[in-house]
Amino acid sequence: MDTGEARDVALALPNGEEYDHFGKPAYRIAAKKAGGKPGRTFMTLWLEEGYAVLMLDQELQADLLGRDPKAFRPHPSKWGEKGATIGDLEYLSRSLFRDALALAYGHACR
């Protein structure tokens, strides 16, 4: 996987939209109507670093860490303690990335 592929997968999700989040491309649920409040963020791409930060809860994070501890790790911050999870794109197959992104997207839709 690379960041371009990750972007394509994120934008293919229903109602997913890209926006700038402190200089990084981030992905959230689009507003339901024009001028409305957008939904929650489900992923941020760190282009230079080559990874995606998936916004999960602790249970979903534990699931991903158990699947592939080389590809996934908690974000080293308070956000990571709450479930934010780094997916290292170098170690992720397209299939595993799609599964992880589906978890983050579903979490954002709750």
PDB file of N, CA and C in Angstrom:
ATOM      1  N   MET A   1       0.842  -1.187   0.000  1.00  0.00           N
ATOM      2  CA  MET A   1       0.000   0.000   0.000  1.00  0.00           C
ATOM      3  C   MET A   1       0.880   1.240   0.000  1.00  0.00           C
ATOM      4  N   ASP A   2       0.349   2.279  -0.582  1.00  0.00           N
ATOM      5  CA  ASP A   2       0.990   3.581  -0.471  1.00  0.00           C
ATOM      6  C   ASP A   2      -0.086   4.613  -0.151  1.00  0.00           C
ATOM      7  N   THR A   3       0.321   5.840   0.094  1.00  0.00           N
ATOM      8  CA  THR A   3      -0.637   6.861   0.521  1.00  0.00           C
ATOM      9  C   THR A   3      -1.655   7.186  -0.569  1.00  0.00           C
ATOM     10  N   GLY A   4      -1.269   7.095  -1.829  1.00  0.00           N
ATOM     11  CA  GLY A   4      -2.208   7.340  -2.920  1.00  0.00           C
ATOM     12  C   GLY A   4      -3.311   6.294  -2.954  1.00  0.00           C
ATOM     13  N   GLU A   5      -2.936   5.042  -2.779  1.00  0.00           N
ATOM     14  CA  GLU A   5      -3.935   3.967  -2.728  1.00  0.00           C
ATOM     15  C   GLU A   5      -4.836   4.126  -1.510  1.00  0.00           C
ATOM     16  N   ALA A   6      -4.250   4.483  -0.378  1.00  0.00           N
ATOM     17  CA  ALA A   6      -5.034   4.683   0.838  1.00  0.00           C
ATOM     18  C   ALA A   6      -6.051   5.809   0.632  1.00  0.00           C
ATOM     19  N   ARG A   7      -5.652   6.866  -0.014  1.00  0.00           N
ATOM     20  CA  ARG A   7      -6.554   7.981  -0.311  1.00  0.00           C
ATOM     21  C   ARG A   7      -7.702   7.515  -1.193  1.00  0.00           C
ATOM     22  N   ASP A   8      -7.389   6.763  -2.237  1.00  0.00           N
ATOM     23  CA  ASP A   8      -8.421   6.270  -3.154  1.00  0.00           C
ATOM     24  C   ASP A   8      -9.448   5.400  -2.429  1.00  0.00           C
ATOM     25  N   VAL A   9      -8.971   4.528  -1.559  1.00  0.00           N
ATOM     26  CA  VAL A   9      -9.871   3.652  -0.810  1.00  0.00           C
ATOM     27  C   VAL A   9     -10.767   4.489   0.113  1.00  0.00           C
ATOM     28  N   ALA A  10     -10.204   5.474   0.776  1.00  0.00           N
ATOM     29  CA  ALA A  10     -10.981   6.321   1.688  1.00  0.00           C
ATOM     30  C   ALA A  10     -12.049   7.116   0.947  1.00  0.00           C
ATOM     31  N   LEU A  11     -11.700   7.649  -0.204  1.00  0.00           N
ATOM     32  CA  LEU A  11     -12.657   8.465  -0.953  1.00  0.00           C
ATOM     33  C   LEU A  11     -13.722   7.633  -1.642  1.00  0.00           C
ATOM     34  N   ALA A  12     -13.505   6.333  -1.760  1.00  0.00           N
ATOM     35  CA  ALA A  12     -14.504   5.444  -2.361  1.00  0.00           C
ATOM     36  C   ALA A  12     -15.609   5.074  -1.369  1.00  0.00           C
ATOM     37  N   LEU A  13     -15.416   5.369  -0.100  1.00  0.00           N
ATOM     38  CA  LEU A  13     -16.432   5.064   0.902  1.00  0.00           C
ATOM     39  C   LEU A  13     -17.623   6.006   0.743  1.00  0.00           C
ATOM     40  N   PRO A  14     -18.824   5.515   1.010  1.00  0.00           N
ATOM     41  CA  PRO A  14     -20.013   6.373   0.887  1.00  0.00           C
ATOM     42  C   PRO A  14     -19.915   7.598   1.794  1.00  0.00           C
ATOM     43  N   ASN A  15     -20.142   8.747   1.237  1.00  0.00           N
ATOM     44  CA  ASN A  15     -20.141  10.020   1.976  1.00  0.00           C
ATOM     45  C   ASN A  15     -18.796  10.368   2.617  1.00  0.00           C
ATOM     46  N   GLY A  16     -17.715   9.766   2.148  1.00  0.00           N
ATOM     47  CA  GLY A  16     -16.396  10.134   2.649  1.00  0.00           C
ATOM     48  C   GLY A  16     -15.917  11.391   1.943  1.00  0.00           C
ATOM     49  N   GLU A  17     -15.256  12.253   2.681  1.00  0.00           N
ATOM     50  CA  GLU A  17     -14.690  13.452   2.066  1.00  0.00           C
ATOM     51  C   GLU A  17     -13.322  13.734   2.664  1.00  0.00           C
ATOM     52  N   GLU A  18     -12.494  14.395   1.860  1.00  0.00           N
ATOM     53  CA  GLU A  18     -11.145  14.759   2.286  1.00  0.00           C
ATOM     54  C   GLU A  18     -11.144  16.212   2.738  1.00  0.00           C
ATOM     55  N   TYR A  19     -10.362  16.502   3.764  1.00  0.00           N
ATOM     56  CA  TYR A  19     -10.182  17.885   4.212  1.00  0.00           C
ATOM     57  C   TYR A  19      -8.795  18.019   4.822  1.00  0.00           C
ATOM     58  N   ASP A  20      -8.355  19.241   5.015  1.00  0.00           N
ATOM     59  CA  ASP A  20      -7.043  19.492   5.596  1.00  0.00           C
ATOM     60  C   ASP A  20      -7.153  19.489   7.119  1.00  0.00           C
ATOM     61  N   HIS A  21      -6.299  18.710   7.756  1.00  0.00           N
ATOM     62  CA  HIS A  21      -6.269  18.641   9.214  1.00  0.00           C
ATOM     63  C   HIS A  21      -4.844  18.938   9.667  1.00  0.00           C
ATOM     64  N   PHE A  22      -4.579  20.184   9.990  1.00  0.00           N
ATOM     65  CA  PHE A  22      -3.257  20.635  10.416  1.00  0.00           C
ATOM     66  C   PHE A  22      -2.183  20.254   9.401  1.00  0.00           C
ATOM     67  N   GLY A  23      -2.477  20.474   8.116  1.00  0.00           N
ATOM     68  CA  GLY A  23      -1.510  20.230   7.053  1.00  0.00           C
ATOM     69  C   GLY A  23      -1.455  18.798   6.558  1.00  0.00           C
ATOM     70  N   LYS A  24      -2.333  17.945   7.042  1.00  0.00           N
ATOM     71  CA  LYS A  24      -2.369  16.559   6.602  1.00  0.00           C
ATOM     72  C   LYS A  24      -3.743  16.261   6.009  1.00  0.00           C
ATOM     73  N   PRO A  25      -3.800  15.432   4.962  1.00  0.00           N
ATOM     74  CA  PRO A  25      -5.108  15.065   4.440  1.00  0.00           C
ATOM     75  C   PRO A  25      -5.824  14.138   5.428  1.00  0.00           C
ATOM     76  N   ALA A  26      -7.067  14.493   5.721  1.00  0.00           N
ATOM     77  CA  ALA A  26      -7.873  13.700   6.642  1.00  0.00           C
ATOM     78  C   ALA A  26      -9.196  13.374   5.957  1.00  0.00           C
ATOM     79  N   TYR A  27      -9.884  12.378   6.488  1.00  0.00           N
ATOM     80  CA  TYR A  27     -11.095  11.858   5.858  1.00  0.00           C
ATOM     81  C   TYR A  27     -12.177  11.732   6.915  1.00  0.00           C
ATOM     82  N   ARG A  28     -13.347  12.230   6.564  1.00  0.00           N
ATOM     83  CA  ARG A  28     -14.461  12.239   7.493  1.00  0.00           C
ATOM     84  C   ARG A  28     -15.749  11.950   6.733  1.00  0.00           C
ATOM     85  N   ILE A  29     -16.815  11.794   7.496  1.00  0.00           N
ATOM     86  CA  ILE A  29     -18.139  11.624   6.921  1.00  0.00           C
ATOM     87  C   ILE A  29     -18.615  13.015   6.493  1.00  0.00           C
ATOM     88  N   ALA A  30     -19.056  13.127   5.252  1.00  0.00           N
ATOM     89  CA  ALA A  30     -19.511  14.418   4.730  1.00  0.00           C
ATOM     90  C   ALA A  30     -20.796  14.862   5.419  1.00  0.00           C
ATOM     91  N   ALA A  31     -21.022  16.163   5.409  1.00  0.00           N
ATOM     92  CA  ALA A  31     -22.261  16.717   5.964  1.00  0.00           C
ATOM     93  C   ALA A  31     -23.455  16.148   5.201  1.00  0.00           C
ATOM     94  N   LYS A  32     -24.558  15.944   5.904  1.00  0.00           N
ATOM     95  CA  LYS A  32     -25.751  15.372   5.267  1.00  0.00           C
ATOM     96  C   LYS A  32     -26.415  16.341   4.307  1.00  0.00           C
ATOM     97  N   LYS A  33     -26.243  17.644   4.554  1.00  0.00           N
ATOM     98  CA  LYS A  33     -26.810  18.634   3.643  1.00  0.00           C
ATOM     99  C   LYS A  33     -25.832  19.786   3.503  1.00  0.00           C
ATOM    100  N   ALA A  34     -25.927  20.524   2.426  1.00  0.00           N
ATOM    101  CA  ALA A  34     -25.030  21.646   2.162  1.00  0.00           C
ATOM    102  C   ALA A  34     -25.063  22.624   3.332  1.00  0.00           C
ATOM    103  N   GLY A  35     -23.888  22.988   3.796  1.00  0.00           N
ATOM    104  CA  GLY A  35     -23.772  23.920   4.907  1.00  0.00           C
ATOM    105  C   GLY A  35     -23.951  23.277   6.275  1.00  0.00           C
ATOM    106  N   GLY A  36     -24.222  21.973   6.277  1.00  0.00           N
ATOM    107  CA  GLY A  36     -24.403  21.266   7.546  1.00  0.00           C
ATOM    108  C   GLY A  36     -23.075  20.910   8.187  1.00  0.00           C
ATOM    109  N   LYS A  37     -23.158  20.432   9.395  1.00  0.00           N
ATOM    110  CA  LYS A  37     -21.960  20.043  10.141  1.00  0.00           C
ATOM    111  C   LYS A  37     -21.448  18.699   9.619  1.00  0.00           C
ATOM    112  N   PRO A  38     -20.148  18.628   9.277  1.00  0.00           N
ATOM    113  CA  PRO A  38     -19.610  17.346   8.814  1.00  0.00           C
ATOM    114  C   PRO A  38     -19.555  16.330   9.941  1.00  0.00           C
ATOM    115  N   GLY A  39     -19.466  15.067   9.553  1.00  0.00           N
ATOM    116  CA  GLY A  39     -19.392  13.989  10.521  1.00  0.00           C
ATOM    117  C   GLY A  39     -17.982  13.819  11.075  1.00  0.00           C
ATOM    118  N   ARG A  40     -17.781  12.711  11.764  1.00  0.00           N
ATOM    119  CA  ARG A  40     -16.523  12.442  12.443  1.00  0.00           C
ATOM    120  C   ARG A  40     -15.425  12.026  11.468  1.00  0.00           C
ATOM    121  N   THR A  41     -14.213  12.318  11.860  1.00  0.00           N
ATOM    122  CA  THR A  41     -13.030  11.902  11.116  1.00  0.00           C
ATOM    123  C   THR A  41     -12.790  10.422  11.351  1.00  0.00           C
ATOM    124  N   PHE A  42     -12.431   9.700  10.269  1.00  0.00           N
ATOM    125  CA  PHE A  42     -12.121   8.285  10.435  1.00  0.00           C
ATOM    126  C   PHE A  42     -10.668   7.961  10.107  1.00  0.00           C
ATOM    127  N   MET A  43      -9.949   8.866   9.426  1.00  0.00           N
ATOM    128  CA  MET A  43      -8.545   8.598   9.113  1.00  0.00           C
ATOM    129  C   MET A  43      -7.809   9.888   8.766  1.00  0.00           C
ATOM    130  N   THR A  44      -6.538   9.919   9.116  1.00  0.00           N
ATOM    131  CA  THR A  44      -5.620  10.977   8.686  1.00  0.00           C
ATOM    132  C   THR A  44      -4.426  10.298   8.037  1.00  0.00           C
ATOM    133  N   LEU A  45      -3.976  10.832   6.905  1.00  0.00           N
ATOM    134  CA  LEU A  45      -2.793  10.288   6.228  1.00  0.00           C
ATOM    135  C   LEU A  45      -1.567  11.123   6.559  1.00  0.00           C
ATOM    136  N   TRP A  46      -0.519  10.456   6.945  1.00  0.00           N
ATOM    137  CA  TRP A  46       0.768  11.084   7.196  1.00  0.00           C
ATOM    138  C   TRP A  46       1.638  10.748   5.994  1.00  0.00           C
ATOM    139  N   LEU A  47       1.650  11.636   5.029  1.00  0.00           N
ATOM    140  CA  LEU A  47       2.279  11.370   3.729  1.00  0.00           C
ATOM    141  C   LEU A  47       3.771  11.104   3.837  1.00  0.00           C
ATOM    142  N   GLU A  48       4.484  11.958   4.533  1.00  0.00           N
ATOM    143  CA  GLU A  48       5.938  11.801   4.641  1.00  0.00           C
ATOM    144  C   GLU A  48       6.327  10.538   5.416  1.00  0.00           C
ATOM    145  N   GLU A  49       5.531  10.229   6.420  1.00  0.00           N
ATOM    146  CA  GLU A  49       5.838   9.097   7.288  1.00  0.00           C
ATOM    147  C   GLU A  49       5.381   7.759   6.699  1.00  0.00           C
ATOM    148  N   GLY A  50       4.433   7.815   5.751  1.00  0.00           N
ATOM    149  CA  GLY A  50       3.948   6.599   5.100  1.00  0.00           C
ATOM    150  C   GLY A  50       2.981   5.786   5.941  1.00  0.00           C
ATOM    151  N   TYR A  51       2.185   6.477   6.758  1.00  0.00           N
ATOM    152  CA  TYR A  51       1.197   5.724   7.515  1.00  0.00           C
ATOM    153  C   TYR A  51      -0.127   6.460   7.611  1.00  0.00           C
ATOM    154  N   ALA A  52      -1.137   5.700   8.014  1.00  0.00           N
ATOM    155  CA  ALA A  52      -2.472   6.234   8.234  1.00  0.00           C
ATOM    156  C   ALA A  52      -2.771   6.135   9.720  1.00  0.00           C
ATOM    157  N   VAL A  53      -3.439   7.143  10.256  1.00  0.00           N
ATOM    158  CA  VAL A  53      -3.927   7.082  11.626  1.00  0.00           C
ATOM    159  C   VAL A  53      -5.426   6.851  11.537  1.00  0.00           C
ATOM    160  N   LEU A  54      -5.847   5.708  12.062  1.00  0.00           N
ATOM    161  CA  LEU A  54      -7.248   5.310  12.043  1.00  0.00           C
ATOM    162  C   LEU A  54      -7.878   5.652  13.380  1.00  0.00           C
ATOM    163  N   MET A  55      -9.028   6.289  13.335  1.00  0.00           N
ATOM    164  CA  MET A  55      -9.711   6.700  14.551  1.00  0.00           C
ATOM    165  C   MET A  55     -10.659   5.585  14.984  1.00  0.00           C
ATOM    166  N   LEU A  56     -10.247   4.871  16.022  1.00  0.00           N
ATOM    167  CA  LEU A  56     -10.975   3.724  16.542  1.00  0.00           C
ATOM    168  C   LEU A  56     -11.249   3.922  18.025  1.00  0.00           C
ATOM    169  N   ASP A  57     -11.928   2.939  18.626  1.00  0.00           N
ATOM    170  CA  ASP A  57     -11.999   2.906  20.080  1.00  0.00           C
ATOM    171  C   ASP A  57     -11.013   1.843  20.560  1.00  0.00           C
ATOM    172  N   GLN A  58     -10.908   1.656  21.844  1.00  0.00           N
ATOM    173  CA  GLN A  58      -9.910   0.729  22.394  1.00  0.00           C
ATOM    174  C   GLN A  58     -10.172  -0.717  21.982  1.00  0.00           C
ATOM    175  N   GLU A  59     -11.424  -1.104  21.901  1.00  0.00           N
ATOM    176  CA  GLU A  59     -11.766  -2.474  21.513  1.00  0.00           C
ATOM    177  C   GLU A  59     -11.379  -2.748  20.058  1.00  0.00           C
ATOM    178  N   LEU A  60     -11.702  -1.834  19.176  1.00  0.00           N
ATOM    179  CA  LEU A  60     -11.345  -2.000  17.766  1.00  0.00           C
ATOM    180  C   LEU A  60      -9.825  -1.964  17.585  1.00  0.00           C
ATOM    181  N   GLN A  61      -9.177  -1.101  18.344  1.00  0.00           N
ATOM    182  CA  GLN A  61      -7.721  -1.026  18.293  1.00  0.00           C
ATOM    183  C   GLN A  61      -7.105  -2.364  18.698  1.00  0.00           C
ATOM    184  N   ALA A  62      -7.593  -2.951  19.771  1.00  0.00           N
ATOM    185  CA  ALA A  62      -7.072  -4.236  20.237  1.00  0.00           C
ATOM    186  C   ALA A  62      -7.243  -5.315  19.166  1.00  0.00           C
ATOM    187  N   ASP A  63      -8.360  -5.284  18.463  1.00  0.00           N
ATOM    188  CA  ASP A  63      -8.598  -6.235  17.378  1.00  0.00           C
ATOM    189  C   ASP A  63      -7.521  -6.109  16.298  1.00  0.00           C
ATOM    190  N   LEU A  64      -7.232  -4.882  15.865  1.00  0.00           N
ATOM    191  CA  LEU A  64      -6.221  -4.686  14.823  1.00  0.00           C
ATOM    192  C   LEU A  64      -4.822  -5.042  15.313  1.00  0.00           C
ATOM    193  N   LEU A  65      -4.504  -4.678  16.538  1.00  0.00           N
ATOM    194  CA  LEU A  65      -3.182  -5.007  17.075  1.00  0.00           C
ATOM    195  C   LEU A  65      -2.995  -6.524  17.123  1.00  0.00           C
ATOM    196  N   GLY A  66      -4.054  -7.248  17.402  1.00  0.00           N
ATOM    197  CA  GLY A  66      -3.996  -8.695  17.431  1.00  0.00           C
ATOM    198  C   GLY A  66      -3.864  -9.320  16.059  1.00  0.00           C
ATOM    199  N   ARG A  67      -4.386  -8.654  15.053  1.00  0.00           N
ATOM    200  CA  ARG A  67      -4.311  -9.184  13.681  1.00  0.00           C
ATOM    201  C   ARG A  67      -2.899  -9.114  13.117  1.00  0.00           C
ATOM    202  N   ASP A  68      -2.246  -7.973  13.323  1.00  0.00           N
ATOM    203  CA  ASP A  68      -0.907  -7.810  12.750  1.00  0.00           C
ATOM    204  C   ASP A  68      -0.140  -6.740  13.526  1.00  0.00           C
ATOM    205  N   PRO A  69       0.579  -7.150  14.579  1.00  0.00           N
ATOM    206  CA  PRO A  69       1.293  -6.173  15.408  1.00  0.00           C
ATOM    207  C   PRO A  69       2.445  -5.475  14.688  1.00  0.00           C
ATOM    208  N   LYS A  70       2.870  -5.992  13.565  1.00  0.00           N
ATOM    209  CA  LYS A  70       3.911  -5.305  12.795  1.00  0.00           C
ATOM    210  C   LYS A  70       3.314  -4.128  12.026  1.00  0.00           C
ATOM    211  N   ALA A  71       2.079  -4.284  11.571  1.00  0.00           N
ATOM    212  CA  ALA A  71       1.436  -3.258  10.741  1.00  0.00           C
ATOM    213  C   ALA A  71       0.699  -2.202  11.562  1.00  0.00           C
ATOM    214  N   PHE A  72       0.254  -2.555  12.766  1.00  0.00           N
ATOM    215  CA  PHE A  72      -0.555  -1.647  13.573  1.00  0.00           C
ATOM    216  C   PHE A  72       0.086  -1.404  14.939  1.00  0.00           C
ATOM    217  N   ARG A  73      -0.052  -0.161  15.407  1.00  0.00           N
ATOM    218  CA  ARG A  73       0.413   0.192  16.740  1.00  0.00           C
ATOM    219  C   ARG A  73      -0.410   1.395  17.230  1.00  0.00           C
ATOM    220  N   PRO A  74      -0.560   1.525  18.528  1.00  0.00           N
ATOM    221  CA  PRO A  74      -1.282   2.697  19.045  1.00  0.00           C
ATOM    222  C   PRO A  74      -0.510   3.977  18.721  1.00  0.00           C
ATOM    223  N   HIS A  75      -1.236   5.042  18.468  1.00  0.00           N
ATOM    224  CA  HIS A  75      -0.601   6.335  18.284  1.00  0.00           C
ATOM    225  C   HIS A  75       0.037   6.725  19.626  1.00  0.00           C
ATOM    226  N   PRO A  76       1.290   7.237  19.614  1.00  0.00           N
ATOM    227  CA  PRO A  76       1.985   7.550  20.873  1.00  0.00           C
ATOM    228  C   PRO A  76       1.518   8.874  21.491  1.00  0.00           C
ATOM    229  N   SER A  77       0.246   8.905  21.886  1.00  0.00           N
ATOM    230  CA  SER A  77      -0.332  10.122  22.448  1.00  0.00           C
ATOM    231  C   SER A  77      -1.552   9.742  23.282  1.00  0.00           C
ATOM    232  N   LYS A  78      -2.173  10.751  23.854  1.00  0.00           N
ATOM    233  CA  LYS A  78      -3.435  10.519  24.563  1.00  0.00           C
ATOM    234  C   LYS A  78      -4.486   9.969  23.603  1.00  0.00           C
ATOM    235  N   TRP A  79      -4.425  10.390  22.328  1.00  0.00           N
ATOM    236  CA  TRP A  79      -5.357   9.859  21.330  1.00  0.00           C
ATOM    237  C   TRP A  79      -5.165   8.357  21.172  1.00  0.00           C
ATOM    238  N   GLY A  80      -3.923   7.911  21.205  1.00  0.00           N
ATOM    239  CA  GLY A  80      -3.632   6.488  21.088  1.00  0.00           C
ATOM    240  C   GLY A  80      -4.195   5.688  22.246  1.00  0.00           C
ATOM    241  N   GLU A  81      -4.198   6.276  23.426  1.00  0.00           N
ATOM    242  CA  GLU A  81      -4.777   5.610  24.595  1.00  0.00           C
ATOM    243  C   GLU A  81      -6.290   5.444  24.451  1.00  0.00           C
ATOM    244  N   LYS A  82      -6.895   6.300  23.627  1.00  0.00           N
ATOM    245  CA  LYS A  82      -8.346   6.237  23.407  1.00  0.00           C
ATOM    246  C   LYS A  82      -8.706   5.401  22.183  1.00  0.00           C
ATOM    247  N   GLY A  83      -7.694   4.957  21.401  1.00  0.00           N
ATOM    248  CA  GLY A  83      -7.976   4.091  20.261  1.00  0.00           C
ATOM    249  C   GLY A  83      -7.357   4.497  18.941  1.00  0.00           C
ATOM    250  N   ALA A  84      -6.805   5.708  18.831  1.00  0.00           N
ATOM    251  CA  ALA A  84      -6.172   6.116  17.569  1.00  0.00           C
ATOM    252  C   ALA A  84      -5.029   5.152  17.265  1.00  0.00           C
ATOM    253  N   THR A  85      -5.045   4.612  16.057  1.00  0.00           N
ATOM    254  CA  THR A  85      -4.140   3.525  15.698  1.00  0.00           C
ATOM    255  C   THR A  85      -3.390   3.835  14.421  1.00  0.00           C
ATOM    256  N   ILE A  86      -2.086   3.666  14.463  1.00  0.00           N
ATOM    257  CA  ILE A  86      -1.250   3.853  13.276  1.00  0.00           C
ATOM    258  C   ILE A  86      -1.254   2.568  12.466  1.00  0.00           C
ATOM    259  N   GLY A  87      -1.533   2.717  11.187  1.00  0.00           N
ATOM    260  CA  GLY A  87      -1.398   1.612  10.239  1.00  0.00           C
ATOM    261  C   GLY A  87      -0.222   1.929   9.337  1.00  0.00           C
ATOM    262  N   ASP A  88       0.838   1.157   9.436  1.00  0.00           N
ATOM    263  CA  ASP A  88       2.038   1.375   8.627  1.00  0.00           C
ATOM    264  C   ASP A  88       1.788   0.800   7.239  1.00  0.00           C
ATOM    265  N   LEU A  89       1.609   1.672   6.257  1.00  0.00           N
ATOM    266  CA  LEU A  89       1.198   1.257   4.915  1.00  0.00           C
ATOM    267  C   LEU A  89       2.190   0.301   4.258  1.00  0.00           C
ATOM    268  N   GLU A  90       3.449   0.389   4.621  1.00  0.00           N
ATOM    269  CA  GLU A  90       4.472  -0.499   4.059  1.00  0.00           C
ATOM    270  C   GLU A  90       4.160  -1.963   4.357  1.00  0.00           C
ATOM    271  N   TYR A  91       3.523  -2.226   5.490  1.00  0.00           N
ATOM    272  CA  TYR A  91       3.257  -3.596   5.916  1.00  0.00           C
ATOM    273  C   TYR A  91       1.819  -4.046   5.690  1.00  0.00           C
ATOM    274  N   LEU A  92       0.995  -3.183   5.104  1.00  0.00           N
ATOM    275  CA  LEU A  92      -0.421  -3.500   4.930  1.00  0.00           C
ATOM    276  C   LEU A  92      -0.736  -3.920   3.500  1.00  0.00           C
ATOM    277  N   SER A  93      -1.435  -5.033   3.371  1.00  0.00           N
ATOM    278  CA  SER A  93      -1.985  -5.406   2.067  1.00  0.00           C
ATOM    279  C   SER A  93      -3.213  -4.524   1.827  1.00  0.00           C
ATOM    280  N   ARG A  94      -3.624  -4.432   0.601  1.00  0.00           N
ATOM    281  CA  ARG A  94      -4.821  -3.647   0.280  1.00  0.00           C
ATOM    282  C   ARG A  94      -6.034  -4.212   1.033  1.00  0.00           C
ATOM    283  N   SER A  95      -6.115  -5.522   1.114  1.00  0.00           N
ATOM    284  CA  SER A  95      -7.236  -6.183   1.776  1.00  0.00           C
ATOM    285  C   SER A  95      -7.271  -5.855   3.278  1.00  0.00           C
ATOM    286  N   LEU A  96      -6.142  -5.968   3.944  1.00  0.00           N
ATOM    287  CA  LEU A  96      -6.088  -5.668   5.373  1.00  0.00           C
ATOM    288  C   LEU A  96      -6.353  -4.187   5.626  1.00  0.00           C
ATOM    289  N   PHE A  97      -5.844  -3.318   4.747  1.00  0.00           N
ATOM    290  CA  PHE A  97      -6.107  -1.889   4.904  1.00  0.00           C
ATOM    291  C   PHE A  97      -7.599  -1.610   4.765  1.00  0.00           C
ATOM    292  N   ARG A  98      -8.242  -2.213   3.770  1.00  0.00           N
ATOM    293  CA  ARG A  98      -9.686  -2.018   3.586  1.00  0.00           C
ATOM    294  C   ARG A  98     -10.457  -2.458   4.833  1.00  0.00           C
ATOM    295  N   ASP A  99     -10.074  -3.606   5.399  1.00  0.00           N
ATOM    296  CA  ASP A  99     -10.737  -4.090   6.613  1.00  0.00           C
ATOM    297  C   ASP A  99     -10.567  -3.096   7.759  1.00  0.00           C
ATOM    298  N   ALA A 100      -9.345  -2.596   7.948  1.00  0.00           N
ATOM    299  CA  ALA A 100      -9.067  -1.647   9.026  1.00  0.00           C
ATOM    300  C   ALA A 100      -9.822  -0.337   8.807  1.00  0.00           C
ATOM    301  N   LEU A 101      -9.840   0.124   7.575  1.00  0.00           N
ATOM    302  CA  LEU A 101     -10.539   1.375   7.274  1.00  0.00           C
ATOM    303  C   LEU A 101     -12.044   1.203   7.459  1.00  0.00           C
ATOM    304  N   ALA A 102     -12.568   0.034   7.147  1.00  0.00           N
ATOM    305  CA  ALA A 102     -13.995  -0.228   7.367  1.00  0.00           C
ATOM    306  C   ALA A 102     -14.339  -0.139   8.854  1.00  0.00           C
ATOM    307  N   LEU A 103     -13.440  -0.609   9.710  1.00  0.00           N
ATOM    308  CA  LEU A 103     -13.660  -0.486  11.153  1.00  0.00           C
ATOM    309  C   LEU A 103     -13.701   0.987  11.568  1.00  0.00           C
ATOM    310  N   ALA A 104     -12.750   1.767  11.074  1.00  0.00           N
ATOM    311  CA  ALA A 104     -12.681   3.187  11.422  1.00  0.00           C
ATOM    312  C   ALA A 104     -13.891   3.942  10.871  1.00  0.00           C
ATOM    313  N   TYR A 105     -14.287   3.626   9.654  1.00  0.00           N
ATOM    314  CA  TYR A 105     -15.445   4.273   9.029  1.00  0.00           C
ATOM    315  C   TYR A 105     -16.721   3.941   9.815  1.00  0.00           C
ATOM    316  N   GLY A 106     -16.887   2.653  10.158  1.00  0.00           N
ATOM    317  CA  GLY A 106     -18.059   2.254  10.935  1.00  0.00           C
ATOM    318  C   GLY A 106     -18.095   2.931  12.288  1.00  0.00           C
ATOM    319  N   HIS A 107     -16.937   3.065  12.907  1.00  0.00           N
ATOM    320  CA  HIS A 107     -16.858   3.765  14.199  1.00  0.00           C
ATOM    321  C   HIS A 107     -17.261   5.229  14.047  1.00  0.00           C
ATOM    322  N   ALA A 108     -16.838   5.857  12.971  1.00  0.00           N
ATOM    323  CA  ALA A 108     -17.185   7.270  12.735  1.00  0.00           C
ATOM    324  C   ALA A 108     -18.675   7.454  12.445  1.00  0.00           C
ATOM    325  N   CYS A 109     -19.304   6.426  11.917  1.00  0.00           N
ATOM    326  CA  CYS A 109     -20.740   6.509  11.585  1.00  0.00           C
ATOM    327  C   CYS A 109     -21.650   6.311  12.792  1.00  0.00           C
ATOM    328  N   ARG A 110     -21.104   5.844  13.907  1.00  0.00           N
ATOM    329  CA  ARG A 110     -21.944   5.595  15.106  1.00  0.00           C
ATOM    330  C   ARG A 110     -22.515   6.866  15.665  1.00  0.00           C
TER     331      ARG A 110
END
